[in-house]
Amino acid sequence: MSRAPRSVPSHLRRKRVLKQAKGFRGRRKNNITTANAAVDRSLQHAYIGRKLKKRNFRALWIQRRLHGLTYSRFISGLARAGVELDRKVLADLAVREPDAFKALTEQART
């Protein structure tokens, strides 16, 4: 059986990685070994960043409607009052049910 040439897939793989590394500085954009590591790391940071963005926006949405409380005092007041709602539900309440959220802020304040 004849040997299959492996150059085409490896060239395509390298080309794909170097295309993703476009815009990086120094050797990270044109050396395949460092570009591989840099692209892997950048994809990890991008994945983490998408989660952090959601978390930050939930905190922002809640902070917009705190009715005179700081965010940390609001969260600690809810914990002391025994209200076990996560931040996603709180953000949803703040946007869709302002009356219920206002009742929660009053409960957190006392």
PDB file of N, CA and C in Angstrom:
ATOM      1  N   MET A   1       0.847  -1.185   0.000  1.00  0.00           N
ATOM      2  CA  MET A   1       0.000   0.000   0.000  1.00  0.00           C
ATOM      3  C   MET A   1       0.889   1.244   0.000  1.00  0.00           C
ATOM      4  N   SER A   2       0.491   2.225  -0.780  1.00  0.00           N
ATOM      5  CA  SER A   2       1.309   3.427  -0.868  1.00  0.00           C
ATOM      6  C   SER A   2       1.060   4.331   0.333  1.00  0.00           C
ATOM      7  N   ARG A   3       2.041   5.161   0.596  1.00  0.00           N
ATOM      8  CA  ARG A   3       1.971   6.056   1.758  1.00  0.00           C
ATOM      9  C   ARG A   3       1.140   7.288   1.410  1.00  0.00           C
ATOM     10  N   ALA A   4       0.242   7.661   2.306  1.00  0.00           N
ATOM     11  CA  ALA A   4      -0.595   8.834   2.058  1.00  0.00           C
ATOM     12  C   ALA A   4       0.162  10.092   2.469  1.00  0.00           C
ATOM     13  N   PRO A   5       0.208  11.112   1.623  1.00  0.00           N
ATOM     14  CA  PRO A   5       0.907  12.347   1.989  1.00  0.00           C
ATOM     15  C   PRO A   5       0.116  13.097   3.083  1.00  0.00           C
ATOM     16  N   ARG A   6       0.829  13.508   4.093  1.00  0.00           N
ATOM     17  CA  ARG A   6       0.156  14.160   5.212  1.00  0.00           C
ATOM     18  C   ARG A   6       0.365  15.670   5.208  1.00  0.00           C
ATOM     19  N   SER A   7       0.926  16.181   4.130  1.00  0.00           N
ATOM     20  CA  SER A   7       1.263  17.601   4.127  1.00  0.00           C
ATOM     21  C   SER A   7       0.030  18.496   4.024  1.00  0.00           C
ATOM     22  N   VAL A   8      -0.973  18.078   3.275  1.00  0.00           N
ATOM     23  CA  VAL A   8      -2.130  18.944   3.054  1.00  0.00           C
ATOM     24  C   VAL A   8      -2.881  19.217   4.369  1.00  0.00           C
ATOM     25  N   PRO A   9      -3.238  18.181   5.157  1.00  0.00           N
ATOM     26  CA  PRO A   9      -3.947  18.492   6.406  1.00  0.00           C
ATOM     27  C   PRO A   9      -3.104  19.292   7.391  1.00  0.00           C
ATOM     28  N   SER A  10      -1.804  18.996   7.443  1.00  0.00           N
ATOM     29  CA  SER A  10      -0.976  19.733   8.399  1.00  0.00           C
ATOM     30  C   SER A  10      -0.816  21.185   7.967  1.00  0.00           C
ATOM     31  N   HIS A  11      -0.712  21.427   6.663  1.00  0.00           N
ATOM     32  CA  HIS A  11      -0.643  22.815   6.196  1.00  0.00           C
ATOM     33  C   HIS A  11      -1.940  23.557   6.501  1.00  0.00           C
ATOM     34  N   LEU A  12      -3.060  22.877   6.298  1.00  0.00           N
ATOM     35  CA  LEU A  12      -4.343  23.515   6.580  1.00  0.00           C
ATOM     36  C   LEU A  12      -4.483  23.822   8.075  1.00  0.00           C
ATOM     37  N   ARG A  13      -4.014  22.869   8.908  1.00  0.00           N
ATOM     38  CA  ARG A  13      -4.102  23.070  10.358  1.00  0.00           C
ATOM     39  C   ARG A  13      -3.250  24.267  10.771  1.00  0.00           C
ATOM     40  N   ARG A  14      -2.029  24.338  10.249  1.00  0.00           N
ATOM     41  CA  ARG A  14      -1.147  25.464  10.588  1.00  0.00           C
ATOM     42  C   ARG A  14      -1.705  26.784  10.076  1.00  0.00           C
ATOM     43  N   LYS A  15      -2.256  26.742   8.876  1.00  0.00           N
ATOM     44  CA  LYS A  15      -2.827  27.950   8.292  1.00  0.00           C
ATOM     45  C   LYS A  15      -3.982  28.468   9.149  1.00  0.00           C
ATOM     46  N   ARG A  16      -4.815  27.527   9.646  1.00  0.00           N
ATOM     47  CA  ARG A  16      -5.950  27.914  10.474  1.00  0.00           C
ATOM     48  C   ARG A  16      -5.487  28.558  11.780  1.00  0.00           C
ATOM     49  N   VAL A  17      -4.454  27.983  12.400  1.00  0.00           N
ATOM     50  CA  VAL A  17      -3.946  28.526  13.664  1.00  0.00           C
ATOM     51  C   VAL A  17      -3.324  29.900  13.440  1.00  0.00           C
ATOM     52  N   LEU A  18      -2.540  30.037  12.366  1.00  0.00           N
ATOM     53  CA  LEU A  18      -1.889  31.323  12.099  1.00  0.00           C
ATOM     54  C   LEU A  18      -2.921  32.395  11.729  1.00  0.00           C
ATOM     55  N   LYS A  19      -4.028  31.994  11.108  1.00  0.00           N
ATOM     56  CA  LYS A  19      -5.082  32.954  10.828  1.00  0.00           C
ATOM     57  C   LYS A  19      -5.722  33.442  12.121  1.00  0.00           C
ATOM     58  N   GLN A  20      -5.893  32.535  13.101  1.00  0.00           N
ATOM     59  CA  GLN A  20      -6.451  32.938  14.388  1.00  0.00           C
ATOM     60  C   GLN A  20      -5.480  33.811  15.167  1.00  0.00           C
ATOM     61  N   ALA A  21      -4.165  33.647  14.908  1.00  0.00           N
ATOM     62  CA  ALA A  21      -3.159  34.414  15.636  1.00  0.00           C
ATOM     63  C   ALA A  21      -2.877  35.760  14.979  1.00  0.00           C
ATOM     64  N   LYS A  22      -3.625  36.105  13.951  1.00  0.00           N
ATOM     65  CA  LYS A  22      -3.411  37.376  13.266  1.00  0.00           C
ATOM     66  C   LYS A  22      -3.662  38.518  14.242  1.00  0.00           C
ATOM     67  N   GLY A  23      -2.752  39.467  14.280  1.00  0.00           N
ATOM     68  CA  GLY A  23      -2.886  40.595  15.187  1.00  0.00           C
ATOM     69  C   GLY A  23      -2.091  40.431  16.469  1.00  0.00           C
ATOM     70  N   PHE A  24      -1.555  39.234  16.729  1.00  0.00           N
ATOM     71  CA  PHE A  24      -0.718  39.046  17.911  1.00  0.00           C
ATOM     72  C   PHE A  24       0.631  39.695  17.660  1.00  0.00           C
ATOM     73  N   ARG A  25       1.362  39.958  18.744  1.00  0.00           N
ATOM     74  CA  ARG A  25       2.643  40.657  18.609  1.00  0.00           C
ATOM     75  C   ARG A  25       3.809  39.676  18.575  1.00  0.00           C
ATOM     76  N   GLY A  26       4.837  40.088  17.859  1.00  0.00           N
ATOM     77  CA  GLY A  26       6.090  39.341  17.868  1.00  0.00           C
ATOM     78  C   GLY A  26       5.980  37.981  17.208  1.00  0.00           C
ATOM     79  N   ARG A  27       6.680  37.014  17.788  1.00  0.00           N
ATOM     80  CA  ARG A  27       6.761  35.689  17.213  1.00  0.00           C
ATOM     81  C   ARG A  27       5.448  34.922  17.344  1.00  0.00           C
ATOM     82  N   ARG A  28       4.551  35.405  18.203  1.00  0.00           N
ATOM     83  CA  ARG A  28       3.294  34.695  18.451  1.00  0.00           C
ATOM     84  C   ARG A  28       2.402  34.656  17.214  1.00  0.00           C
ATOM     85  N   LYS A  29       2.641  35.539  16.253  1.00  0.00           N
ATOM     86  CA  LYS A  29       1.769  35.563  15.079  1.00  0.00           C
ATOM     87  C   LYS A  29       2.293  34.738  13.908  1.00  0.00           C
ATOM     88  N   ASN A  30       3.584  34.361  13.903  1.00  0.00           N
ATOM     89  CA  ASN A  30       4.081  33.668  12.717  1.00  0.00           C
ATOM     90  C   ASN A  30       4.911  32.422  13.003  1.00  0.00           C
ATOM     91  N   ASN A  31       5.132  32.088  14.261  1.00  0.00           N
ATOM     92  CA  ASN A  31       5.828  30.857  14.616  1.00  0.00           C
ATOM     93  C   ASN A  31       4.765  29.873  15.100  1.00  0.00           C
ATOM     94  N   ILE A  32       4.676  28.710  14.468  1.00  0.00           N
ATOM     95  CA  ILE A  32       3.543  27.831  14.723  1.00  0.00           C
ATOM     96  C   ILE A  32       3.509  27.331  16.164  1.00  0.00           C
ATOM     97  N   THR A  33       4.663  27.082  16.777  1.00  0.00           N
ATOM     98  CA  THR A  33       4.670  26.559  18.147  1.00  0.00           C
ATOM     99  C   THR A  33       4.131  27.590  19.127  1.00  0.00           C
ATOM    100  N   THR A  34       4.647  28.816  19.059  1.00  0.00           N
ATOM    101  CA  THR A  34       4.166  29.848  19.981  1.00  0.00           C
ATOM    102  C   THR A  34       2.757  30.303  19.608  1.00  0.00           C
ATOM    103  N   ALA A  35       2.428  30.275  18.319  1.00  0.00           N
ATOM    104  CA  ALA A  35       1.083  30.661  17.904  1.00  0.00           C
ATOM    105  C   ALA A  35       0.051  29.661  18.431  1.00  0.00           C
ATOM    106  N   ASN A  36       0.389  28.376  18.422  1.00  0.00           N
ATOM    107  CA  ASN A  36      -0.512  27.358  18.969  1.00  0.00           C
ATOM    108  C   ASN A  36      -0.831  27.643  20.421  1.00  0.00           C
ATOM    109  N   ALA A  37       0.204  27.897  21.205  1.00  0.00           N
ATOM    110  CA  ALA A  37       0.007  28.158  22.636  1.00  0.00           C
ATOM    111  C   ALA A  37      -0.784  29.443  22.841  1.00  0.00           C
ATOM    112  N   ALA A  38      -0.467  30.474  22.056  1.00  0.00           N
ATOM    113  CA  ALA A  38      -1.138  31.764  22.218  1.00  0.00           C
ATOM    114  C   ALA A  38      -2.615  31.668  21.831  1.00  0.00           C
ATOM    115  N   VAL A  39      -2.908  30.933  20.760  1.00  0.00           N
ATOM    116  CA  VAL A  39      -4.295  30.796  20.315  1.00  0.00           C
ATOM    117  C   VAL A  39      -5.093  29.976  21.327  1.00  0.00           C
ATOM    118  N   ASP A  40      -4.500  28.908  21.864  1.00  0.00           N
ATOM    119  CA  ASP A  40      -5.189  28.116  22.886  1.00  0.00           C
ATOM    120  C   ASP A  40      -5.538  28.978  24.087  1.00  0.00           C
ATOM    121  N   ARG A  41      -4.575  29.755  24.532  1.00  0.00           N
ATOM    122  CA  ARG A  41      -4.793  30.610  25.698  1.00  0.00           C
ATOM    123  C   ARG A  41      -5.842  31.678  25.393  1.00  0.00           C
ATOM    124  N   SER A  42      -5.795  32.239  24.193  1.00  0.00           N
ATOM    125  CA  SER A  42      -6.758  33.291  23.854  1.00  0.00           C
ATOM    126  C   SER A  42      -8.178  32.739  23.786  1.00  0.00           C
ATOM    127  N   LEU A  43      -8.329  31.500  23.314  1.00  0.00           N
ATOM    128  CA  LEU A  43      -9.653  30.896  23.272  1.00  0.00           C
ATOM    129  C   LEU A  43     -10.179  30.618  24.680  1.00  0.00           C
ATOM    130  N   GLN A  44      -9.277  30.239  25.587  1.00  0.00           N
ATOM    131  CA  GLN A  44      -9.696  30.037  26.980  1.00  0.00           C
ATOM    132  C   GLN A  44     -10.151  31.355  27.596  1.00  0.00           C
ATOM    133  N   HIS A  45      -9.385  32.415  27.348  1.00  0.00           N
ATOM    134  CA  HIS A  45      -9.760  33.723  27.895  1.00  0.00           C
ATOM    135  C   HIS A  45     -11.084  34.202  27.308  1.00  0.00           C
ATOM    136  N   ALA A  46     -11.305  33.919  26.021  1.00  0.00           N
ATOM    137  CA  ALA A  46     -12.554  34.333  25.395  1.00  0.00           C
ATOM    138  C   ALA A  46     -13.737  33.601  26.026  1.00  0.00           C
ATOM    139  N   TYR A  47     -13.570  32.308  26.318  1.00  0.00           N
ATOM    140  CA  TYR A  47     -14.644  31.516  26.931  1.00  0.00           C
ATOM    141  C   TYR A  47     -14.960  32.058  28.324  1.00  0.00           C
ATOM    142  N   ILE A  48     -13.914  32.307  29.101  1.00  0.00           N
ATOM    143  CA  ILE A  48     -14.115  32.836  30.456  1.00  0.00           C
ATOM    144  C   ILE A  48     -14.750  34.225  30.386  1.00  0.00           C
ATOM    145  N   GLY A  49     -14.303  35.037  29.420  1.00  0.00           N
ATOM    146  CA  GLY A  49     -14.816  36.387  29.291  1.00  0.00           C
ATOM    147  C   GLY A  49     -16.297  36.440  28.973  1.00  0.00           C
ATOM    148  N   ARG A  50     -16.778  35.460  28.200  1.00  0.00           N
ATOM    149  CA  ARG A  50     -18.209  35.439  27.899  1.00  0.00           C
ATOM    150  C   ARG A  50     -19.018  35.185  29.160  1.00  0.00           C
ATOM    151  N   LYS A  51     -18.512  34.340  30.054  1.00  0.00           N
ATOM    152  CA  LYS A  51     -19.217  34.084  31.315  1.00  0.00           C
ATOM    153  C   LYS A  51     -19.150  35.316  32.229  1.00  0.00           C
ATOM    154  N   LEU A  52     -17.986  35.962  32.276  1.00  0.00           N
ATOM    155  CA  LEU A  52     -17.830  37.137  33.131  1.00  0.00           C
ATOM    156  C   LEU A  52     -18.718  38.287  32.667  1.00  0.00           C
ATOM    157  N   LYS A  53     -18.883  38.399  31.356  1.00  0.00           N
ATOM    158  CA  LYS A  53     -19.725  39.472  30.827  1.00  0.00           C
ATOM    159  C   LYS A  53     -21.164  39.317  31.307  1.00  0.00           C
ATOM    160  N   LYS A  54     -21.679  38.087  31.287  1.00  0.00           N
ATOM    161  CA  LYS A  54     -23.035  37.847  31.774  1.00  0.00           C
ATOM    162  C   LYS A  54     -23.146  38.190  33.252  1.00  0.00           C
ATOM    163  N   ARG A  55     -22.122  37.790  34.022  1.00  0.00           N
ATOM    164  CA  ARG A  55     -22.129  38.054  35.464  1.00  0.00           C
ATOM    165  C   ARG A  55     -22.115  39.549  35.738  1.00  0.00           C
ATOM    166  N   ASN A  56     -21.274  40.278  35.005  1.00  0.00           N
ATOM    167  CA  ASN A  56     -21.181  41.722  35.204  1.00  0.00           C
ATOM    168  C   ASN A  56     -22.480  42.427  34.825  1.00  0.00           C
ATOM    169  N   PHE A  57     -23.110  41.972  33.749  1.00  0.00           N
ATOM    170  CA  PHE A  57     -24.349  42.610  33.346  1.00  0.00           C
ATOM    171  C   PHE A  57     -25.471  42.335  34.333  1.00  0.00           C
ATOM    172  N   ARG A  58     -25.505  41.121  34.908  1.00  0.00           N
ATOM    173  CA  ARG A  58     -26.522  40.853  35.922  1.00  0.00           C
ATOM    174  C   ARG A  58     -26.335  41.786  37.109  1.00  0.00           C
ATOM    175  N   ALA A  59     -25.089  41.971  37.539  1.00  0.00           N
ATOM    176  CA  ALA A  59     -24.821  42.888  38.650  1.00  0.00           C
ATOM    177  C   ALA A  59     -25.223  44.312  38.271  1.00  0.00           C
ATOM    178  N   LEU A  60     -24.969  44.709  37.023  1.00  0.00           N
ATOM    179  CA  LEU A  60     -25.315  46.052  36.571  1.00  0.00           C
ATOM    180  C   LEU A  60     -26.819  46.266  36.564  1.00  0.00           C
ATOM    181  N   TRP A  61     -27.558  45.261  36.063  1.00  0.00           N
ATOM    182  CA  TRP A  61     -29.007  45.391  36.016  1.00  0.00           C
ATOM    183  C   TRP A  61     -29.592  45.506  37.416  1.00  0.00           C
ATOM    184  N   ILE A  62     -29.020  44.741  38.349  1.00  0.00           N
ATOM    185  CA  ILE A  62     -29.511  44.825  39.726  1.00  0.00           C
ATOM    186  C   ILE A  62     -29.150  46.184  40.313  1.00  0.00           C
ATOM    187  N   GLN A  63     -27.931  46.659  40.069  1.00  0.00           N
ATOM    188  CA  GLN A  63     -27.484  47.919  40.659  1.00  0.00           C
ATOM    189  C   GLN A  63     -28.290  49.108  40.160  1.00  0.00           C
ATOM    190  N   ARG A  64     -28.816  49.017  38.957  1.00  0.00           N
ATOM    191  CA  ARG A  64     -29.594  50.132  38.421  1.00  0.00           C
ATOM    192  C   ARG A  64     -30.856  50.380  39.226  1.00  0.00           C
ATOM    193  N   ARG A  65     -31.352  49.347  39.896  1.00  0.00           N
ATOM    194  CA  ARG A  65     -32.657  49.439  40.532  1.00  0.00           C
ATOM    195  C   ARG A  65     -32.598  49.108  42.021  1.00  0.00           C
ATOM    196  N   LEU A  66     -31.603  49.575  42.737  1.00  0.00           N
ATOM    197  CA  LEU A  66     -31.447  49.178  44.135  1.00  0.00           C
ATOM    198  C   LEU A  66     -32.206  50.048  45.118  1.00  0.00           C
ATOM    199  N   HIS A  67     -32.772  51.144  44.674  1.00  0.00           N
ATOM    200  CA  HIS A  67     -33.597  51.998  45.530  1.00  0.00           C
ATOM    201  C   HIS A  67     -32.843  52.473  46.766  1.00  0.00           C
ATOM    202  N   GLY A  68     -31.672  53.035  46.569  1.00  0.00           N
ATOM    203  CA  GLY A  68     -30.946  53.661  47.671  1.00  0.00           C
ATOM    204  C   GLY A  68     -30.068  52.736  48.496  1.00  0.00           C
ATOM    205  N   LEU A  69     -29.824  51.507  48.058  1.00  0.00           N
ATOM    206  CA  LEU A  69     -28.919  50.589  48.768  1.00  0.00           C
ATOM    207  C   LEU A  69     -27.705  50.326  47.894  1.00  0.00           C
ATOM    208  N   THR A  70     -26.565  50.076  48.530  1.00  0.00           N
ATOM    209  CA  THR A  70     -25.419  49.616  47.740  1.00  0.00           C
ATOM    210  C   THR A  70     -25.626  48.137  47.427  1.00  0.00           C
ATOM    211  N   TYR A  71     -24.932  47.677  46.403  1.00  0.00           N
ATOM    212  CA  TYR A  71     -25.099  46.289  45.963  1.00  0.00           C
ATOM    213  C   TYR A  71     -24.708  45.311  47.063  1.00  0.00           C
ATOM    214  N   SER A  72     -23.587  45.566  47.738  1.00  0.00           N
ATOM    215  CA  SER A  72     -23.120  44.627  48.755  1.00  0.00           C
ATOM    216  C   SER A  72     -24.069  44.599  49.958  1.00  0.00           C
ATOM    217  N   ARG A  73     -24.585  45.765  50.346  1.00  0.00           N
ATOM    218  CA  ARG A  73     -25.542  45.800  51.469  1.00  0.00           C
ATOM    219  C   ARG A  73     -26.857  45.124  51.088  1.00  0.00           C
ATOM    220  N   PHE A  74     -27.240  45.270  49.832  1.00  0.00           N
ATOM    221  CA  PHE A  74     -28.460  44.615  49.361  1.00  0.00           C
ATOM    222  C   PHE A  74     -28.333  43.095  49.444  1.00  0.00           C
ATOM    223  N   ILE A  75     -27.206  42.561  48.938  1.00  0.00           N
ATOM    224  CA  ILE A  75     -26.997  41.109  48.933  1.00  0.00           C
ATOM    225  C   ILE A  75     -26.876  40.582  50.360  1.00  0.00           C
ATOM    226  N   SER A  76     -26.121  41.300  51.220  1.00  0.00           N
ATOM    227  CA  SER A  76     -25.971  40.818  52.592  1.00  0.00           C
ATOM    228  C   SER A  76     -27.288  40.932  53.357  1.00  0.00           C
ATOM    229  N   GLY A  77     -28.087  41.974  53.075  1.00  0.00           N
ATOM    230  CA  GLY A  77     -29.395  42.109  53.709  1.00  0.00           C
ATOM    231  C   GLY A  77     -30.342  40.989  53.313  1.00  0.00           C
ATOM    232  N   LEU A  78     -30.280  40.589  52.046  1.00  0.00           N
ATOM    233  CA  LEU A  78     -31.109  39.471  51.605  1.00  0.00           C
ATOM    234  C   LEU A  78     -30.672  38.175  52.283  1.00  0.00           C
ATOM    235  N   ALA A  79     -29.368  37.993  52.436  1.00  0.00           N
ATOM    236  CA  ALA A  79     -28.871  36.776  53.083  1.00  0.00           C
ATOM    237  C   ALA A  79     -29.307  36.730  54.541  1.00  0.00           C
ATOM    238  N   ARG A  80     -29.232  37.874  55.225  1.00  0.00           N
ATOM    239  CA  ARG A  80     -29.652  37.923  56.631  1.00  0.00           C
ATOM    240  C   ARG A  80     -31.154  37.711  56.774  1.00  0.00           C
ATOM    241  N   ALA A  81     -31.926  38.179  55.777  1.00  0.00           N
ATOM    242  CA  ALA A  81     -33.377  38.017  55.824  1.00  0.00           C
ATOM    243  C   ALA A  81     -33.805  36.602  55.449  1.00  0.00           C
ATOM    244  N   GLY A  82     -32.864  35.800  54.975  1.00  0.00           N
ATOM    245  CA  GLY A  82     -33.188  34.420  54.620  1.00  0.00           C
ATOM    246  C   GLY A  82     -33.773  34.258  53.228  1.00  0.00           C
ATOM    247  N   VAL A  83     -33.606  35.262  52.375  1.00  0.00           N
ATOM    248  CA  VAL A  83     -34.097  35.171  50.995  1.00  0.00           C
ATOM    249  C   VAL A  83     -33.014  34.512  50.165  1.00  0.00           C
ATOM    250  N   GLU A  84     -33.328  33.361  49.594  1.00  0.00           N
ATOM    251  CA  GLU A  84     -32.318  32.615  48.839  1.00  0.00           C
ATOM    252  C   GLU A  84     -32.636  32.671  47.347  1.00  0.00           C
ATOM    253  N   LEU A  85     -32.434  33.828  46.759  1.00  0.00           N
ATOM    254  CA  LEU A  85     -32.580  33.998  45.316  1.00  0.00           C
ATOM    255  C   LEU A  85     -31.214  34.260  44.724  1.00  0.00           C
ATOM    256  N   ASP A  86     -30.922  33.625  43.599  1.00  0.00           N
ATOM    257  CA  ASP A  86     -29.626  33.890  42.976  1.00  0.00           C
ATOM    258  C   ASP A  86     -29.692  35.182  42.174  1.00  0.00           C
ATOM    259  N   ARG A  87     -28.537  35.632  41.723  1.00  0.00           N
ATOM    260  CA  ARG A  87     -28.438  36.931  41.077  1.00  0.00           C
ATOM    261  C   ARG A  87     -29.169  36.973  39.734  1.00  0.00           C
ATOM    262  N   LYS A  88     -29.256  35.834  39.076  1.00  0.00           N
ATOM    263  CA  LYS A  88     -29.959  35.799  37.795  1.00  0.00           C
ATOM    264  C   LYS A  88     -31.449  36.088  38.000  1.00  0.00           C
ATOM    265  N   VAL A  89     -32.031  35.474  39.029  1.00  0.00           N
ATOM    266  CA  VAL A  89     -33.447  35.702  39.320  1.00  0.00           C
ATOM    267  C   VAL A  89     -33.665  37.141  39.775  1.00  0.00           C
ATOM    268  N   LEU A  90     -32.723  37.662  40.577  1.00  0.00           N
ATOM    269  CA  LEU A  90     -32.840  39.051  41.032  1.00  0.00           C
ATOM    270  C   LEU A  90     -32.806  40.020  39.857  1.00  0.00           C
ATOM    271  N   ALA A  91     -31.905  39.771  38.906  1.00  0.00           N
ATOM    272  CA  ALA A  91     -31.816  40.645  37.739  1.00  0.00           C
ATOM    273  C   ALA A  91     -33.112  40.581  36.926  1.00  0.00           C
ATOM    274  N   ASP A  92     -33.664  39.379  36.800  1.00  0.00           N
ATOM    275  CA  ASP A  92     -34.910  39.215  36.062  1.00  0.00           C
ATOM    276  C   ASP A  92     -36.064  39.929  36.773  1.00  0.00           C
ATOM    277  N   LEU A  93     -36.108  39.816  38.105  1.00  0.00           N
ATOM    278  CA  LEU A  93     -37.142  40.513  38.877  1.00  0.00           C
ATOM    279  C   LEU A  93     -37.005  42.031  38.731  1.00  0.00           C
ATOM    280  N   ALA A  94     -35.775  42.519  38.759  1.00  0.00           N
ATOM    281  CA  ALA A  94     -35.539  43.957  38.671  1.00  0.00           C
ATOM    282  C   ALA A  94     -36.048  44.516  37.348  1.00  0.00           C
ATOM    283  N   VAL A  95     -35.926  43.736  36.288  1.00  0.00           N
ATOM    284  CA  VAL A  95     -36.343  44.216  34.974  1.00  0.00           C
ATOM    285  C   VAL A  95     -37.841  44.012  34.753  1.00  0.00           C
ATOM    286  N   ARG A  96     -38.356  42.816  35.126  1.00  0.00           N
ATOM    287  CA  ARG A  96     -39.736  42.468  34.758  1.00  0.00           C
ATOM    288  C   ARG A  96     -40.771  42.747  35.844  1.00  0.00           C
ATOM    289  N   GLU A  97     -40.381  42.647  37.114  1.00  0.00           N
ATOM    290  CA  GLU A  97     -41.318  42.834  38.226  1.00  0.00           C
ATOM    291  C   GLU A  97     -40.778  43.887  39.193  1.00  0.00           C
ATOM    292  N   PRO A  98     -40.849  45.177  38.852  1.00  0.00           N
ATOM    293  CA  PRO A  98     -40.245  46.196  39.717  1.00  0.00           C
ATOM    294  C   PRO A  98     -40.886  46.297  41.100  1.00  0.00           C
ATOM    295  N   ASP A  99     -42.185  45.984  41.192  1.00  0.00           N
ATOM    296  CA  ASP A  99     -42.848  46.061  42.500  1.00  0.00           C
ATOM    297  C   ASP A  99     -42.333  44.983  43.449  1.00  0.00           C
ATOM    298  N   ALA A 100     -42.189  43.764  42.925  1.00  0.00           N
ATOM    299  CA  ALA A 100     -41.665  42.672  43.750  1.00  0.00           C
ATOM    300  C   ALA A 100     -40.217  42.955  44.146  1.00  0.00           C
ATOM    301  N   PHE A 101     -39.466  43.544  43.218  1.00  0.00           N
ATOM    302  CA  PHE A 101     -38.069  43.853  43.536  1.00  0.00           C
ATOM    303  C   PHE A 101     -37.980  44.948  44.595  1.00  0.00           C
ATOM    304  N   LYS A 102     -38.888  45.912  44.524  1.00  0.00           N
ATOM    305  CA  LYS A 102     -38.893  46.962  45.540  1.00  0.00           C
ATOM    306  C   LYS A 102     -39.204  46.382  46.914  1.00  0.00           C
ATOM    307  N   ALA A 103     -40.112  45.409  46.974  1.00  0.00           N
ATOM    308  CA  ALA A 103     -40.419  44.739  48.242  1.00  0.00           C
ATOM    309  C   ALA A 103     -39.187  44.017  48.775  1.00  0.00           C
ATOM    310  N   LEU A 104     -38.426  43.424  47.882  1.00  0.00           N
ATOM    311  CA  LEU A 104     -37.184  42.744  48.298  1.00  0.00           C
ATOM    312  C   LEU A 104     -36.174  43.744  48.849  1.00  0.00           C
ATOM    313  N   THR A 105     -36.069  44.924  48.215  1.00  0.00           N
ATOM    314  CA  THR A 105     -35.113  45.912  48.728  1.00  0.00           C
ATOM    315  C   THR A 105     -35.535  46.406  50.110  1.00  0.00           C
ATOM    316  N   GLU A 106     -36.849  46.558  50.311  1.00  0.00           N
ATOM    317  CA  GLU A 106     -37.321  46.961  51.643  1.00  0.00           C
ATOM    318  C   GLU A 106     -37.006  45.892  52.681  1.00  0.00           C
ATOM    319  N   GLN A 107     -37.150  44.636  52.286  1.00  0.00           N
ATOM    320  CA  GLN A 107     -36.844  43.527  53.189  1.00  0.00           C
ATOM    321  C   GLN A 107     -35.351  43.489  53.498  1.00  0.00           C
ATOM    322  N   ALA A 108     -34.525  43.765  52.490  1.00  0.00           N
ATOM    323  CA  ALA A 108     -33.077  43.767  52.701  1.00  0.00           C
ATOM    324  C   ALA A 108     -32.647  44.941  53.571  1.00  0.00           C
ATOM    325  N   ARG A 109     -33.372  46.054  53.472  1.00  0.00           N
ATOM    326  CA  ARG A 109     -33.015  47.233  54.242  1.00  0.00           C
ATOM    327  C   ARG A 109     -33.290  47.015  55.723  1.00  0.00           C
ATOM    328  N   THR A 110     -34.354  46.271  56.068  1.00  0.00           N
ATOM    329  CA  THR A 110     -34.717  46.064  57.490  1.00  0.00           C
ATOM    330  C   THR A 110     -33.997  44.921  58.108  1.00  0.00           C
TER     331      THR A 110
END
